[in-house]
Amino acid sequence: MTKHTDVNRTDSGMEHFGYRESLDRGIGKFGSFAAGVSYISILTGTFQLFYFGYSTAGPAYLWSWPMVLVGQLAVALCFMELAAKYPVAGSVYNWSKQLGSPVVGWSAGWLMLTASILTLAAVVLALQLNLPRLWHGFQIVGDGTGAYDFATNAVILGTTLIVFTTLVNALGVRLMAMINSAGVFIELIAACLIAIILALHIKRGPAVFFSTNGYGGGTSSGFLGAFLVASLASGYVMYGFDTASSLGEETVEPRRTAPKAILRAILASFVIGGAILVFAIMAAPNLQDPQIGSSSGGLQYIVEQVMWGPLGKIFLACIVVAVTVCSLAVHTAAIRLTFAMARDNALPFGEKLSRVNPDTQTPIAPAIVIGVIAALILVINIGQPKIFTVLTSIAVIMIYLAYLMVTGPQLLKRLRGQWPPADLAAGGYFSMGRWGLAVNIVAVLWGAGMALNLAWPRESVYGTPWYNTWGAFAYTAVIMGSGLLWYGLKGRHHIGTLASHAADRV
């Protein structure tokens, strides 16, 4: 065994959980960074949700971008300490279990897992916003004008992408990392070029961001109410940076690599994504054009108007690449979470779901199961698109709640003087030191506030009837309640590391 491998094993952070190494440790620094960036996905999120923010609060909705950064950066800094201490698969699940209690850990894992599957189903739908624009032949069902043409075609394209991500994940983490890294490289280059070209075509100054432009007028909550709704567009984008740490068991020198990857992923996404959003509004030929605030127009519409010749098509192709690697990263993160919970026997069929293929050194069963469930969820989009919107929104809320189940117990540990561990700073690993308590408080307050804002019953967002308007509370309660029912009746009685994954005792 080489010295390099010895370092990886003794510095893996897995000794705290009693797991043996079973996954392929083949992800380097850029691969770790790419995992976080591709989950956030600058091009996927900004192009998919710009129309919603703009149509709700106009150009000034862009102030929600730095607001979300501050809150999510506080969460990310807390996660960086945890990644330096515990870089293990299913990071949020294992962290909350370590910081809180078994039921807190299981609840965080269950919320994160169900949310990740819903997120995968939501992300793949973004192909419909881009592929038919590249070539009309991608509109397989009808011509796009029929009542269900758009939704049905989105399901077909989305299911095809899920088949691809399932296959790649089943073939091993090295192939996944190679495709993901290449896709992220293309995405970053394209995003930077889009921002630069938009900046070269600006038609108005920054004053446009300092006016409400009449949005929110005539309502009791005024522009503040409109802004809080519009901020959902930014809140929906800037999460998933913990994916870098969830791949910790497959990363070289994870205790040093994963924290840096988390920070770089969120900062790169903020800077490049923010530049695209700002310059797009400043470069748009006509801000009164209703297509800018339409789901069929949005940011893609502005890019097509501003870019000359075939450039618009090229950049749309880059967005398709971004959607692909984002879907791949979401699927990968969901697989690692499933594997992490299954090897603790914290899910039904734990032994089968945690089985690692000896040839690919990756869990294949979770890849297939998650892919099948996500594809089945897509069918809802055909006849009930509003319910699907509610469910995908709830997925983001559940992720924020899962994050809270990490930062909350972590804050309690700090207040009791039990965090951070002494070996972090002593070993040269990332630690916030004296700033930790203040940042952790911000992370908890932000998580609670944003979860409430996301869940607030608004007909303009969730529609009617009441079970959609209050869907965030109703559906989250059903998902959480059904999970806790299984945990209380069966799960808690046999949860524990499976013998096939327990570390050898010396």
Foldseek 3Di string as FASTA:
>chain_A
DDPLVVCCVVQLLCVVAQFDQQFAQDAEQLLLLLLLQLQLQLLLLCQQQQLVLCVLQHLLLLVLLVVLLLQVVLLLLLVLLQQLNHLEALSLLVLLCVLPNNVLSLLLLLLLLLLLLLQLLVLLLCCLLFVCVLPVVLQVADNPPDPQSSLVSSLVSSLVLLVVLLVQQLQADVSLSVLSSVLSVLSLVLLQVLLVLLLVQFDDDPVSNVDSVCRQPPDPVRSVLSSLSSSLSSLLRQDRLCLSSNCSSNHRSRSASSSVSSVVSNVSSSVSSSSNSSSLSRRQPDSPPVQCSDSSHHSLVSLVVRDDDCSSSVSSVSSVSSSSSNSSSSLNSSLSSLLVCLLLVQDPPSVLSNDADPVRSGRSVSSVVSSVVSSVLSVCCRPPVLVSLLSSLLSSLSNLVSSLSNLVSVLVCVVVVNPDDPVQVVVVGDDPPPCSNVSSVSNNVSSVVSSCSSQQQDCVRRNDDPCSSNVSVVVVCVSSVVSVVCCVPPNVVRGGRDPVTRHDDD
